[in-house]
Amino acid sequence: MEPLPPPSQHPVVHIGALELRFLADETTGSGDLVMFEFTVPPGARVPAPHFHERVDEAVYGLSGCLASRRGEERFAIRPGDSLLIPRGVVHHHENLLPEPAKVLVVLTPGSIGRRYFEETAALLARPGPPDPAAMQALMRRHGLVPA
């Protein structure tokens, strides 16, 4: 079994002010698990409500408080709290407080990996307003369905 690289060598993807530090991705091991630290700045709402066709998501609170919606349920994820979001369930997250929120996210299987987030960052970094049709096509290509 290959050890994970030290934290200083973990790949980081920035999407605007969001930061995703990948501890494991679709290129690690069998590729069946993606795990990243997700830092959400104050006031950020990400992503748009959506569901995963084939991927389950687990979220574990590390610092701050992330407001999450799973179906019609609402949760405040604080340090030590966890939330399981089964595939097919509409969800989204946002940070309503004045300090950053950091959570550990695990996606399995690993079909929504670092590549998806890198493509999202590149799409949103283009000049001008984001192209909703291009964003929806990108999401669908990776098994995310906008709600």
Foldseek 3Di string as FASTA:
>chain_A
DDAFDPQVPFDWFDQDPKIWGWRDACVPDVNFKTKTKIKAAAFDKDDAWWFFQQKKKKKAWCAAWKWKDWANDIDTHHHGDMDIHGGPTIMIIHHHDRGMTIIMMMMGGRLCTPVLRNVNSVQCPDPDHHDVVVNQVSCVVSRIHHD
